Amino acid sequence: MNRRLRLDASAYRYDYDNFQTVEQRGTLFVTTNAGKAKAYGVEAQADLAVTSDFDLLATYAYSHARFETGAYDGNRFRLSPDHSFSLAASYRFPLGDGEFEIRPSYTWQSKVFFDNSNDRAIFQQPPNAFVADNVRDEFQKAYGLLNLRLAWTSNRAPVTVEAFATNLTDEAYIIDAGNTGDNLGLPTFIAGAPRMVGVGVSWRYR
């Protein structure tokens, strides 16, 4: 395609023996040998220059990360989505004495757990926990975030003025759950950033 398309891909596999993780026992955090674990997957990226002023970018990752022995057998690794992808576009055109760029982007990931125990009730019973937790709710289901960036760069000076919005649809999601309060029956849920907008000015030194 006259060098307008670039493709990158990689595959990996990891085999672990004596995988180290942390368990909470009462008020103590104890390093535990979780035995064998395995992770394998693929990552890919495509970058297409549709025209000299219009680019499309896409990424995709698949990761199968699981414990294979011990109490955690079959559990997922913490913060490890099986699937994730992103899409972005960049459109540029002349404006005044400079160039204006519009760059929307979207990122998505599948369900994740916040602990290697995967919030299974069997690991959250007395005496390891002061209060039994039988509800499996400390995870984040699949979600996506839409972002937008508008920028103008001067042709006469190394100056860029931009406006941006992250999480444009104000998606509600969490980035962590459980923590010390979980041991008392009061798990802490940490929310992800809500919609945020801003402006900025940058100066590039040549």
N, C-alpha and C. Protein backbone atom coordinates (compact mmCIF):
# COMPACT_ATOMS: atom_id res chain seq x y z
N MET A 1 0.84 -1.21 0.00
CA MET A 1 0.00 0.00 0.00
C MET A 1 0.87 1.26 0.00
N ASN A 2 1.96 1.22 -0.78
CA ASN A 2 2.85 2.38 -0.87
C ASN A 2 3.34 2.86 0.48
N ARG A 3 3.58 1.89 1.39
CA ARG A 3 4.11 2.18 2.72
C ARG A 3 3.16 3.00 3.60
N ARG A 4 1.86 2.97 3.26
CA ARG A 4 0.88 3.71 4.07
C ARG A 4 0.36 2.89 5.24
N LEU A 5 0.60 1.59 5.22
CA LEU A 5 0.10 0.71 6.29
C LEU A 5 1.27 0.07 7.01
N ARG A 6 1.24 0.15 8.34
CA ARG A 6 2.26 -0.50 9.17
C ARG A 6 1.57 -1.45 10.13
N LEU A 7 2.04 -2.67 10.17
CA LEU A 7 1.49 -3.70 11.05
C LEU A 7 2.58 -4.21 11.98
N ASP A 8 2.25 -4.35 13.25
CA ASP A 8 3.17 -4.92 14.24
C ASP A 8 2.41 -5.98 15.03
N ALA A 9 3.08 -7.07 15.33
CA ALA A 9 2.44 -8.12 16.13
C ALA A 9 3.49 -8.89 16.92
N SER A 10 3.09 -9.39 18.06
CA SER A 10 4.00 -10.20 18.87
C SER A 10 3.18 -11.23 19.64
N ALA A 11 3.83 -12.32 19.98
CA ALA A 11 3.20 -13.37 20.79
C ALA A 11 4.14 -13.71 21.94
N TYR A 12 3.60 -14.13 23.06
CA TYR A 12 4.43 -14.42 24.22
C TYR A 12 3.83 -15.56 25.02
N ARG A 13 4.67 -16.13 25.87
CA ARG A 13 4.23 -17.16 26.80
C ARG A 13 5.17 -17.14 28.01
N TYR A 14 4.59 -17.18 29.20
CA TYR A 14 5.36 -17.24 30.43
C TYR A 14 4.88 -18.43 31.26
N ASP A 15 5.82 -19.17 31.81
CA ASP A 15 5.51 -20.25 32.74
C ASP A 15 6.18 -19.94 34.07
N TYR A 16 5.40 -19.92 35.13
CA TYR A 16 5.91 -19.56 36.45
C TYR A 16 5.91 -20.77 37.39
N ASP A 17 6.96 -20.91 38.13
CA ASP A 17 7.01 -21.82 39.27
C ASP A 17 7.17 -20.98 40.53
N ASN A 18 6.52 -21.42 41.62
CA ASN A 18 6.62 -20.69 42.89
C ASN A 18 6.19 -19.23 42.75
N PHE A 19 5.04 -19.02 42.11
CA PHE A 19 4.52 -17.66 41.91
C PHE A 19 4.20 -17.04 43.27
N GLN A 20 4.75 -15.87 43.52
CA GLN A 20 4.57 -15.20 44.81
C GLN A 20 3.40 -14.23 44.75
N THR A 21 2.52 -14.33 45.72
CA THR A 21 1.41 -13.39 45.84
C THR A 21 1.25 -13.01 47.31
N VAL A 22 0.30 -12.16 47.60
CA VAL A 22 0.10 -11.68 48.97
C VAL A 22 -1.32 -12.00 49.41
N GLU A 23 -1.45 -12.58 50.61
CA GLU A 23 -2.74 -12.86 51.22
C GLU A 23 -2.88 -12.04 52.49
N GLN A 24 -4.11 -11.61 52.76
CA GLN A 24 -4.37 -10.89 53.99
C GLN A 24 -4.91 -11.86 55.03
N ARG A 25 -4.25 -11.93 56.17
CA ARG A 25 -4.67 -12.79 57.27
C ARG A 25 -4.84 -11.94 58.51
N GLY A 26 -6.08 -11.67 58.83
CA GLY A 26 -6.33 -10.75 59.93
C GLY A 26 -5.84 -9.37 59.57
N THR A 27 -4.92 -8.83 60.36
CA THR A 27 -4.35 -7.50 60.08
C THR A 27 -3.01 -7.60 59.38
N LEU A 28 -2.59 -8.82 59.03
CA LEU A 28 -1.28 -9.01 58.41
C LEU A 28 -1.40 -9.31 56.92
N PHE A 29 -0.41 -8.84 56.15
CA PHE A 29 -0.29 -9.19 54.75
C PHE A 29 0.87 -10.16 54.63
N VAL A 30 0.59 -11.37 54.17
CA VAL A 30 1.58 -12.45 54.17
C VAL A 30 1.91 -12.86 52.75
N THR A 31 3.19 -12.94 52.43
CA THR A 31 3.62 -13.42 51.12
C THR A 31 3.40 -14.93 51.05
N THR A 32 2.73 -15.36 49.99
CA THR A 32 2.33 -16.76 49.85
C THR A 32 2.81 -17.33 48.53
N ASN A 33 3.24 -18.58 48.56
CA ASN A 33 3.62 -19.27 47.33
C ASN A 33 2.36 -19.87 46.70
N ALA A 34 1.98 -19.32 45.54
CA ALA A 34 0.76 -19.78 44.88
C ALA A 34 1.02 -20.90 43.88
N GLY A 35 2.25 -21.40 43.82
CA GLY A 35 2.54 -22.54 42.96
C GLY A 35 2.76 -22.15 41.51
N LYS A 36 2.22 -22.94 40.60
CA LYS A 36 2.45 -22.72 39.18
C LYS A 36 1.42 -21.77 38.58
N ALA A 37 1.86 -21.02 37.58
CA ALA A 37 0.97 -20.12 36.86
C ALA A 37 1.46 -20.01 35.42
N LYS A 38 0.58 -19.56 34.55
CA LYS A 38 0.91 -19.48 33.14
C LYS A 38 0.24 -18.26 32.53
N ALA A 39 0.95 -17.62 31.62
CA ALA A 39 0.36 -16.49 30.88
C ALA A 39 0.82 -16.57 29.44
N TYR A 40 -0.11 -16.42 28.52
CA TYR A 40 0.25 -16.36 27.10
C TYR A 40 -0.72 -15.42 26.39
N GLY A 41 -0.29 -14.91 25.27
CA GLY A 41 -1.17 -13.98 24.56
C GLY A 41 -0.53 -13.42 23.31
N VAL A 42 -1.24 -12.50 22.69
CA VAL A 42 -0.78 -11.82 21.48
C VAL A 42 -1.09 -10.34 21.60
N GLU A 43 -0.29 -9.53 20.94
CA GLU A 43 -0.53 -8.09 20.85
C GLU A 43 -0.33 -7.67 19.40
N ALA A 44 -1.18 -6.77 18.92
CA ALA A 44 -1.09 -6.34 17.53
C ALA A 44 -1.43 -4.87 17.41
N GLN A 45 -0.86 -4.24 16.40
CA GLN A 45 -1.10 -2.83 16.15
C GLN A 45 -1.14 -2.58 14.66
N ALA A 46 -2.04 -1.71 14.22
CA ALA A 46 -2.14 -1.31 12.82
C ALA A 46 -2.20 0.20 12.73
N ASP A 47 -1.42 0.77 11.83
CA ASP A 47 -1.38 2.22 11.64
C ASP A 47 -1.53 2.49 10.16
N LEU A 48 -2.62 3.14 9.77
CA LEU A 48 -2.91 3.37 8.36
C LEU A 48 -2.97 4.86 8.07
N ALA A 49 -2.16 5.30 7.12
CA ALA A 49 -2.23 6.67 6.63
C ALA A 49 -3.23 6.70 5.48
N VAL A 50 -4.48 7.02 5.78
CA VAL A 50 -5.52 7.03 4.75
C VAL A 50 -5.21 8.08 3.70
N THR A 51 -4.83 9.26 4.15
CA THR A 51 -4.32 10.32 3.29
C THR A 51 -3.15 10.96 4.02
N SER A 52 -2.57 11.98 3.41
CA SER A 52 -1.45 12.66 4.07
C SER A 52 -1.90 13.42 5.32
N ASP A 53 -3.22 13.63 5.44
CA ASP A 53 -3.75 14.40 6.57
C ASP A 53 -4.64 13.58 7.51
N PHE A 54 -4.83 12.29 7.20
CA PHE A 54 -5.78 11.50 7.96
C PHE A 54 -5.18 10.13 8.28
N ASP A 55 -5.01 9.84 9.58
CA ASP A 55 -4.42 8.58 10.03
C ASP A 55 -5.43 7.83 10.90
N LEU A 56 -5.37 6.49 10.82
CA LEU A 56 -6.15 5.62 11.68
C LEU A 56 -5.21 4.68 12.42
N LEU A 57 -5.48 4.44 13.70
CA LEU A 57 -4.64 3.58 14.52
C LEU A 57 -5.52 2.62 15.30
N ALA A 58 -5.12 1.35 15.37
CA ALA A 58 -5.86 0.36 16.14
C ALA A 58 -4.89 -0.57 16.84
N THR A 59 -5.22 -0.98 18.06
CA THR A 59 -4.42 -1.96 18.79
C THR A 59 -5.35 -3.01 19.38
N TYR A 60 -4.81 -4.21 19.58
CA TYR A 60 -5.57 -5.28 20.22
C TYR A 60 -4.62 -6.15 21.01
N ALA A 61 -5.07 -6.61 22.17
CA ALA A 61 -4.25 -7.51 22.99
C ALA A 61 -5.13 -8.59 23.59
N TYR A 62 -4.63 -9.82 23.53
CA TYR A 62 -5.27 -10.95 24.19
C TYR A 62 -4.29 -11.52 25.20
N SER A 63 -4.75 -11.71 26.42
CA SER A 63 -3.88 -12.24 27.47
C SER A 63 -4.64 -13.27 28.29
N HIS A 64 -4.10 -14.49 28.32
CA HIS A 64 -4.69 -15.56 29.13
C HIS A 64 -3.72 -15.84 30.27
N ALA A 65 -4.00 -15.26 31.42
CA ALA A 65 -3.11 -15.35 32.58
C ALA A 65 -3.85 -16.04 33.72
N ARG A 66 -3.41 -17.25 34.08
CA ARG A 66 -4.14 -18.06 35.06
C ARG A 66 -3.19 -18.78 36.00
N PHE A 67 -3.66 -19.00 37.24
CA PHE A 67 -2.97 -19.90 38.16
C PHE A 67 -3.35 -21.34 37.79
N GLU A 68 -2.42 -22.26 38.02
CA GLU A 68 -2.64 -23.64 37.59
C GLU A 68 -2.63 -24.66 38.72
N THR A 69 -2.13 -24.28 39.88
CA THR A 69 -2.10 -25.20 41.01
C THR A 69 -2.44 -24.44 42.29
N GLY A 70 -2.62 -25.17 43.38
CA GLY A 70 -2.85 -24.56 44.68
C GLY A 70 -4.26 -24.03 44.83
N ALA A 71 -4.45 -23.25 45.87
CA ALA A 71 -5.78 -22.73 46.20
C ALA A 71 -6.32 -21.82 45.10
N TYR A 72 -5.43 -21.16 44.38
CA TYR A 72 -5.86 -20.21 43.35
C TYR A 72 -6.04 -20.88 41.99
N ASP A 73 -6.00 -22.16 41.92
CA ASP A 73 -6.09 -22.88 40.64
C ASP A 73 -7.27 -22.39 39.81
N GLY A 74 -6.99 -21.93 38.60
CA GLY A 74 -8.02 -21.43 37.70
C GLY A 74 -8.30 -19.95 37.82
N ASN A 75 -7.80 -19.30 38.88
CA ASN A 75 -8.02 -17.87 39.05
C ASN A 75 -7.25 -17.06 38.01
N ARG A 76 -7.77 -15.87 37.74
CA ARG A 76 -7.07 -14.94 36.86
C ARG A 76 -6.02 -14.14 37.65
N PHE A 77 -5.00 -13.65 36.97
CA PHE A 77 -4.08 -12.70 37.58
C PHE A 77 -4.86 -11.41 37.84
N ARG A 78 -4.49 -10.74 38.91
CA ARG A 78 -5.11 -9.45 39.22
C ARG A 78 -4.80 -8.43 38.12
N LEU A 79 -5.76 -7.56 37.84
CA LEU A 79 -5.62 -6.46 36.88
C LEU A 79 -5.15 -6.94 35.51
N SER A 80 -5.62 -8.10 35.10
CA SER A 80 -5.20 -8.67 33.82
C SER A 80 -6.44 -8.99 32.98
N PRO A 81 -6.85 -8.06 32.10
CA PRO A 81 -8.01 -8.33 31.24
C PRO A 81 -7.65 -9.35 30.17
N ASP A 82 -8.60 -10.20 29.83
CA ASP A 82 -8.36 -11.15 28.74
C ASP A 82 -8.27 -10.44 27.40
N HIS A 83 -9.06 -9.39 27.21
CA HIS A 83 -9.09 -8.68 25.93
C HIS A 83 -9.01 -7.17 26.17
N SER A 84 -8.33 -6.49 25.30
CA SER A 84 -8.32 -5.03 25.32
C SER A 84 -8.02 -4.52 23.92
N PHE A 85 -8.59 -3.37 23.58
CA PHE A 85 -8.29 -2.79 22.28
C PHE A 85 -8.43 -1.28 22.36
N SER A 86 -7.90 -0.61 21.35
CA SER A 86 -8.03 0.84 21.26
C SER A 86 -8.15 1.24 19.80
N LEU A 87 -8.85 2.34 19.58
CA LEU A 87 -9.02 2.92 18.25
C LEU A 87 -8.75 4.41 18.36
N ALA A 88 -8.08 4.95 17.35
CA ALA A 88 -7.81 6.39 17.34
C ALA A 88 -7.75 6.88 15.91
N ALA A 89 -8.03 8.15 15.75
CA ALA A 89 -7.95 8.79 14.44
C ALA A 89 -7.30 10.16 14.60
N SER A 90 -6.63 10.60 13.57
CA SER A 90 -6.01 11.92 13.58
C SER A 90 -6.28 12.59 12.24
N TYR A 91 -6.97 13.74 12.30
CA TYR A 91 -7.26 14.50 11.09
C TYR A 91 -6.67 15.89 11.24
N ARG A 92 -5.89 16.31 10.25
CA ARG A 92 -5.18 17.59 10.31
C ARG A 92 -5.51 18.43 9.08
N PHE A 93 -5.61 19.74 9.30
CA PHE A 93 -5.86 20.64 8.17
C PHE A 93 -5.30 22.03 8.52
N PRO A 94 -4.95 22.82 7.48
CA PRO A 94 -4.41 24.16 7.72
C PRO A 94 -5.47 25.07 8.32
N LEU A 95 -5.04 25.89 9.26
CA LEU A 95 -5.92 26.87 9.87
C LEU A 95 -5.10 28.09 10.26
N GLY A 96 -5.38 29.21 9.61
CA GLY A 96 -4.60 30.41 9.87
C GLY A 96 -3.14 30.18 9.54
N ASP A 97 -2.27 30.58 10.44
CA ASP A 97 -0.82 30.39 10.26
C ASP A 97 -0.35 29.12 10.94
N GLY A 98 -1.17 28.08 10.90
CA GLY A 98 -0.78 26.85 11.56
C GLY A 98 -1.59 25.67 11.09
N GLU A 99 -1.55 24.60 11.88
CA GLU A 99 -2.25 23.37 11.56
C GLU A 99 -3.15 22.97 12.72
N PHE A 100 -4.38 22.59 12.41
CA PHE A 100 -5.34 22.16 13.43
C PHE A 100 -5.48 20.64 13.35
N GLU A 101 -5.49 19.97 14.53
CA GLU A 101 -5.63 18.53 14.58
C GLU A 101 -6.82 18.14 15.45
N ILE A 102 -7.62 17.20 14.96
CA ILE A 102 -8.71 16.59 15.72
C ILE A 102 -8.33 15.13 15.96
N ARG A 103 -8.28 14.71 17.23
CA ARG A 103 -7.84 13.36 17.55
C ARG A 103 -8.77 12.69 18.56
N PRO A 104 -9.79 11.98 18.10
CA PRO A 104 -10.60 11.17 19.01
C PRO A 104 -9.94 9.82 19.26
N SER A 105 -10.19 9.22 20.41
CA SER A 105 -9.65 7.90 20.71
C SER A 105 -10.62 7.16 21.64
N TYR A 106 -10.56 5.85 21.56
CA TYR A 106 -11.43 5.01 22.38
C TYR A 106 -10.64 3.81 22.86
N THR A 107 -10.69 3.53 24.15
CA THR A 107 -10.02 2.36 24.72
C THR A 107 -11.04 1.48 25.43
N TRP A 108 -10.84 0.18 25.35
CA TRP A 108 -11.79 -0.76 25.95
C TRP A 108 -11.02 -1.93 26.55
N GLN A 109 -11.52 -2.45 27.66
CA GLN A 109 -10.93 -3.64 28.25
C GLN A 109 -12.01 -4.51 28.86
N SER A 110 -11.75 -5.81 28.90
CA SER A 110 -12.71 -6.76 29.47
C SER A 110 -12.56 -6.79 30.99
N LYS A 111 -13.33 -7.63 31.62
CA LYS A 111 -13.43 -7.73 33.08
C LYS A 111 -12.07 -7.99 33.74
N VAL A 112 -11.84 -7.35 34.90
CA VAL A 112 -10.64 -7.59 35.69
C VAL A 112 -11.01 -7.76 37.16
N PHE A 113 -10.20 -8.55 37.86
CA PHE A 113 -10.28 -8.66 39.32
C PHE A 113 -9.16 -7.82 39.93
N PHE A 114 -9.35 -7.39 41.17
CA PHE A 114 -8.36 -6.55 41.83
C PHE A 114 -7.45 -7.32 42.79
N ASP A 115 -7.66 -8.62 42.89
CA ASP A 115 -6.83 -9.44 43.76
C ASP A 115 -6.70 -10.82 43.13
N ASN A 116 -5.56 -11.48 43.37
CA ASN A 116 -5.37 -12.81 42.84
C ASN A 116 -6.36 -13.83 43.39
N SER A 117 -7.00 -13.51 44.53
CA SER A 117 -8.03 -14.40 45.08
C SER A 117 -9.31 -14.34 44.26
N ASN A 118 -9.39 -13.36 43.34
CA ASN A 118 -10.59 -13.15 42.50
C ASN A 118 -11.84 -12.97 43.33
N ASP A 119 -11.69 -12.46 44.57
CA ASP A 119 -12.80 -12.16 45.46
C ASP A 119 -13.69 -13.36 45.74
N ARG A 120 -13.10 -14.55 45.71
CA ARG A 120 -13.86 -15.76 46.04
C ARG A 120 -14.10 -15.83 47.54
N ALA A 121 -15.32 -16.19 47.92
CA ALA A 121 -15.72 -16.19 49.33
C ALA A 121 -14.86 -17.11 50.18
N ILE A 122 -14.37 -18.20 49.59
CA ILE A 122 -13.59 -19.18 50.36
C ILE A 122 -12.34 -18.57 50.98
N PHE A 123 -11.82 -17.49 50.38
CA PHE A 123 -10.61 -16.85 50.90
C PHE A 123 -10.92 -15.72 51.86
N GLN A 124 -12.19 -15.45 52.13
CA GLN A 124 -12.55 -14.30 52.94
C GLN A 124 -13.47 -14.69 54.10
N GLN A 125 -13.05 -15.74 54.80
CA GLN A 125 -13.79 -16.23 55.94
C GLN A 125 -12.91 -16.13 57.19
N PRO A 126 -13.50 -15.98 58.37
CA PRO A 126 -12.70 -16.02 59.61
C PRO A 126 -11.95 -17.35 59.71
N PRO A 127 -10.74 -17.39 60.25
CA PRO A 127 -10.05 -16.30 60.95
C PRO A 127 -9.23 -15.38 60.03
N ASN A 128 -9.15 -15.71 58.72
CA ASN A 128 -8.38 -14.82 57.84
C ASN A 128 -9.01 -13.44 57.75
N ALA A 129 -10.30 -13.34 57.86
CA ALA A 129 -11.01 -12.07 57.85
C ALA A 129 -11.84 -11.96 59.12
N PHE A 130 -11.96 -10.76 59.63
CA PHE A 130 -12.77 -10.56 60.83
C PHE A 130 -14.25 -10.75 60.54
N VAL A 131 -14.66 -10.33 59.33
CA VAL A 131 -16.06 -10.44 58.92
C VAL A 131 -16.10 -11.20 57.60
N ALA A 132 -16.92 -12.23 57.53
CA ALA A 132 -17.02 -13.03 56.31
C ALA A 132 -17.56 -12.19 55.17
N ASP A 133 -16.95 -12.35 54.00
CA ASP A 133 -17.41 -11.67 52.78
C ASP A 133 -17.84 -12.74 51.79
N ASN A 134 -19.13 -12.88 51.60
CA ASN A 134 -19.67 -13.91 50.71
C ASN A 134 -20.19 -13.35 49.39
N VAL A 135 -19.98 -12.05 49.19
CA VAL A 135 -20.47 -11.40 47.97
C VAL A 135 -19.29 -11.16 47.04
N ARG A 136 -19.39 -11.63 45.81
CA ARG A 136 -18.31 -11.46 44.83
C ARG A 136 -18.59 -10.19 44.02
N ASP A 137 -18.11 -9.07 44.53
CA ASP A 137 -18.40 -7.79 43.88
C ASP A 137 -17.17 -6.91 43.69
N GLU A 138 -15.99 -7.42 44.03
CA GLU A 138 -14.78 -6.61 43.93
C GLU A 138 -14.07 -6.90 42.60
N PHE A 139 -14.69 -6.45 41.54
CA PHE A 139 -14.14 -6.58 40.20
C PHE A 139 -14.70 -5.44 39.35
N GLN A 140 -14.09 -5.24 38.20
CA GLN A 140 -14.60 -4.25 37.26
C GLN A 140 -15.00 -4.96 35.99
N LYS A 141 -16.27 -4.83 35.62
CA LYS A 141 -16.74 -5.44 34.38
C LYS A 141 -16.16 -4.67 33.19
N ALA A 142 -16.37 -5.19 32.00
CA ALA A 142 -15.84 -4.57 30.79
C ALA A 142 -16.34 -3.13 30.66
N TYR A 143 -15.46 -2.24 30.21
CA TYR A 143 -15.85 -0.84 30.02
C TYR A 143 -14.94 -0.20 28.98
N GLY A 144 -15.40 0.94 28.44
CA GLY A 144 -14.62 1.68 27.46
C GLY A 144 -14.62 3.16 27.77
N LEU A 145 -13.57 3.84 27.36
CA LEU A 145 -13.43 5.28 27.60
C LEU A 145 -13.21 6.00 26.27
N LEU A 146 -13.96 7.08 26.07
CA LEU A 146 -13.86 7.90 24.87
C LEU A 146 -13.16 9.21 25.22
N ASN A 147 -12.14 9.56 24.45
CA ASN A 147 -11.37 10.78 24.68
C ASN A 147 -11.33 11.62 23.41
N LEU A 148 -11.08 12.91 23.57
CA LEU A 148 -11.00 13.81 22.42
C LEU A 148 -9.95 14.87 22.68
N ARG A 149 -9.14 15.14 21.64
CA ARG A 149 -8.12 16.18 21.75
C ARG A 149 -8.19 17.07 20.51
N LEU A 150 -8.22 18.37 20.74
CA LEU A 150 -8.20 19.36 19.67
C LEU A 150 -6.96 20.22 19.87
N ALA A 151 -6.14 20.38 18.82
CA ALA A 151 -4.89 21.12 19.00
C ALA A 151 -4.58 21.96 17.77
N TRP A 152 -4.03 23.14 18.01
CA TRP A 152 -3.57 24.02 16.94
C TRP A 152 -2.10 24.31 17.16
N THR A 153 -1.30 24.07 16.12
CA THR A 153 0.15 24.29 16.19
C THR A 153 0.53 25.38 15.21
N SER A 154 1.25 26.37 15.68
CA SER A 154 1.66 27.49 14.85
C SER A 154 2.79 27.09 13.91
N ASN A 155 2.76 27.65 12.71
CA ASN A 155 3.87 27.45 11.77
C ASN A 155 4.99 28.46 11.98
N ARG A 156 4.71 29.53 12.71
CA ARG A 156 5.68 30.61 12.88
C ARG A 156 6.44 30.52 14.20
N ALA A 157 5.85 29.83 15.16
CA ALA A 157 6.50 29.69 16.48
C ALA A 157 6.24 28.27 16.99
N PRO A 158 7.15 27.75 17.82
CA PRO A 158 6.98 26.38 18.34
C PRO A 158 5.93 26.30 19.45
N VAL A 159 4.72 26.73 19.16
CA VAL A 159 3.65 26.82 20.15
C VAL A 159 2.47 25.94 19.72
N THR A 160 1.91 25.21 20.69
CA THR A 160 0.71 24.41 20.47
C THR A 160 -0.32 24.77 21.54
N VAL A 161 -1.53 25.06 21.10
CA VAL A 161 -2.65 25.33 22.00
C VAL A 161 -3.64 24.19 21.83
N GLU A 162 -4.08 23.61 22.94
CA GLU A 162 -4.96 22.44 22.84
C GLU A 162 -6.09 22.49 23.85
N ALA A 163 -7.15 21.77 23.52
CA ALA A 163 -8.25 21.51 24.43
C ALA A 163 -8.48 20.00 24.42
N PHE A 164 -8.83 19.43 25.56
CA PHE A 164 -8.98 17.98 25.63
C PHE A 164 -10.13 17.61 26.56
N ALA A 165 -10.66 16.42 26.32
CA ALA A 165 -11.68 15.85 27.19
C ALA A 165 -11.39 14.37 27.34
N THR A 166 -11.31 13.89 28.56
CA THR A 166 -11.11 12.47 28.82
C THR A 166 -12.38 11.89 29.43
N ASN A 167 -12.65 10.62 29.14
CA ASN A 167 -13.89 9.97 29.58
C ASN A 167 -15.08 10.83 29.19
N LEU A 168 -15.16 11.11 27.91
CA LEU A 168 -16.15 12.05 27.39
C LEU A 168 -17.58 11.65 27.72
N THR A 169 -17.88 10.36 27.79
CA THR A 169 -19.25 9.89 28.09
C THR A 169 -19.50 9.75 29.59
N ASP A 170 -18.53 10.14 30.40
CA ASP A 170 -18.64 10.09 31.87
C ASP A 170 -18.94 8.66 32.35
N GLU A 171 -18.21 7.70 31.81
CA GLU A 171 -18.37 6.29 32.18
C GLU A 171 -17.99 6.09 33.65
N ALA A 172 -18.82 5.35 34.39
CA ALA A 172 -18.54 5.04 35.78
C ALA A 172 -17.79 3.71 35.86
N TYR A 173 -16.62 3.70 36.49
CA TYR A 173 -15.83 2.49 36.62
C TYR A 173 -14.94 2.62 37.85
N ILE A 174 -14.37 1.51 38.29
CA ILE A 174 -13.48 1.54 39.45
C ILE A 174 -12.10 1.04 39.05
N ILE A 175 -11.08 1.55 39.75
CA ILE A 175 -9.70 1.15 39.46
C ILE A 175 -9.10 0.30 40.58
N ASP A 176 -9.83 0.15 41.70
CA ASP A 176 -9.36 -0.71 42.77
C ASP A 176 -10.52 -0.99 43.71
N ALA A 177 -10.44 -2.12 44.41
CA ALA A 177 -11.48 -2.50 45.35
C ALA A 177 -10.92 -3.49 46.36
N GLY A 178 -11.54 -3.52 47.53
CA GLY A 178 -11.11 -4.44 48.57
C GLY A 178 -10.26 -3.74 49.61
N ASN A 179 -8.94 -3.95 49.53
CA ASN A 179 -7.98 -3.30 50.42
C ASN A 179 -8.21 -3.68 51.89
N THR A 180 -7.63 -2.95 52.81
CA THR A 180 -7.67 -3.32 54.22
C THR A 180 -9.09 -3.35 54.77
N GLY A 181 -9.94 -2.44 54.32
CA GLY A 181 -11.30 -2.39 54.83
C GLY A 181 -12.09 -3.64 54.52
N ASP A 182 -11.69 -4.38 53.49
CA ASP A 182 -12.40 -5.60 53.13
C ASP A 182 -12.36 -6.61 54.26
N ASN A 183 -11.30 -6.59 55.04
CA ASN A 183 -11.14 -7.51 56.15
C ASN A 183 -12.14 -7.24 57.26
N LEU A 184 -12.69 -6.03 57.29
CA LEU A 184 -13.65 -5.64 58.31
C LEU A 184 -15.07 -5.63 57.77
N GLY A 185 -15.24 -6.13 56.56
CA GLY A 185 -16.56 -6.13 55.94
C GLY A 185 -16.91 -4.81 55.30
N LEU A 186 -15.93 -3.90 55.16
CA LEU A 186 -16.16 -2.58 54.57
C LEU A 186 -15.14 -2.35 53.45
N PRO A 187 -15.27 -3.05 52.32
CA PRO A 187 -14.30 -2.89 51.25
C PRO A 187 -14.30 -1.48 50.69
N THR A 188 -13.12 -1.02 50.32
CA THR A 188 -12.96 0.30 49.73
C THR A 188 -13.04 0.18 48.21
N PHE A 189 -13.85 1.01 47.60
CA PHE A 189 -13.96 1.06 46.14
C PHE A 189 -13.42 2.41 45.67
N ILE A 190 -12.40 2.38 44.80
CA ILE A 190 -11.78 3.61 44.31
C ILE A 190 -12.26 3.86 42.89
N ALA A 191 -12.96 4.96 42.71
CA ALA A 191 -13.55 5.28 41.41
C ALA A 191 -12.51 5.75 40.42
N GLY A 192 -12.73 5.42 39.16
CA GLY A 192 -11.92 5.96 38.09
C GLY A 192 -12.28 7.42 37.85
N ALA A 193 -11.44 8.11 37.11
CA ALA A 193 -11.67 9.53 36.87
C ALA A 193 -12.95 9.75 36.06
N PRO A 194 -13.77 10.71 36.46
CA PRO A 194 -14.97 11.04 35.69
C PRO A 194 -14.59 11.85 34.46
N ARG A 195 -15.59 12.37 33.76
CA ARG A 195 -15.29 13.24 32.62
C ARG A 195 -14.44 14.42 33.09
N MET A 196 -13.36 14.67 32.37
CA MET A 196 -12.50 15.81 32.71
C MET A 196 -12.17 16.56 31.42
N VAL A 197 -12.22 17.88 31.49
CA VAL A 197 -11.90 18.71 30.34
C VAL A 197 -10.83 19.71 30.75
N GLY A 198 -10.06 20.16 29.78
CA GLY A 198 -9.01 21.10 30.09
C GLY A 198 -8.42 21.74 28.85
N VAL A 199 -7.59 22.72 29.06
CA VAL A 199 -6.88 23.40 27.98
C VAL A 199 -5.41 23.47 28.36
N GLY A 200 -4.57 23.61 27.36
CA GLY A 200 -3.14 23.69 27.64
C GLY A 200 -2.40 24.44 26.54
N VAL A 201 -1.25 24.96 26.90
CA VAL A 201 -0.36 25.63 25.96
C VAL A 201 1.03 25.06 26.16
N SER A 202 1.68 24.66 25.07
CA SER A 202 3.04 24.14 25.18
C SER A 202 3.96 24.87 24.22
N TRP A 203 5.24 24.93 24.63
CA TRP A 203 6.27 25.62 23.84
C TRP A 203 7.41 24.64 23.66
N ARG A 204 7.76 24.33 22.43
CA ARG A 204 8.85 23.40 22.14
C ARG A 204 10.15 24.18 21.92
N TYR A 205 11.16 23.84 22.69
CA TYR A 205 12.46 24.48 22.52
C TYR A 205 13.22 23.78 21.40
N ARG A 206 13.73 24.54 20.48
CA ARG A 206 14.43 23.97 19.32
C ARG A 206 15.94 24.12 19.49
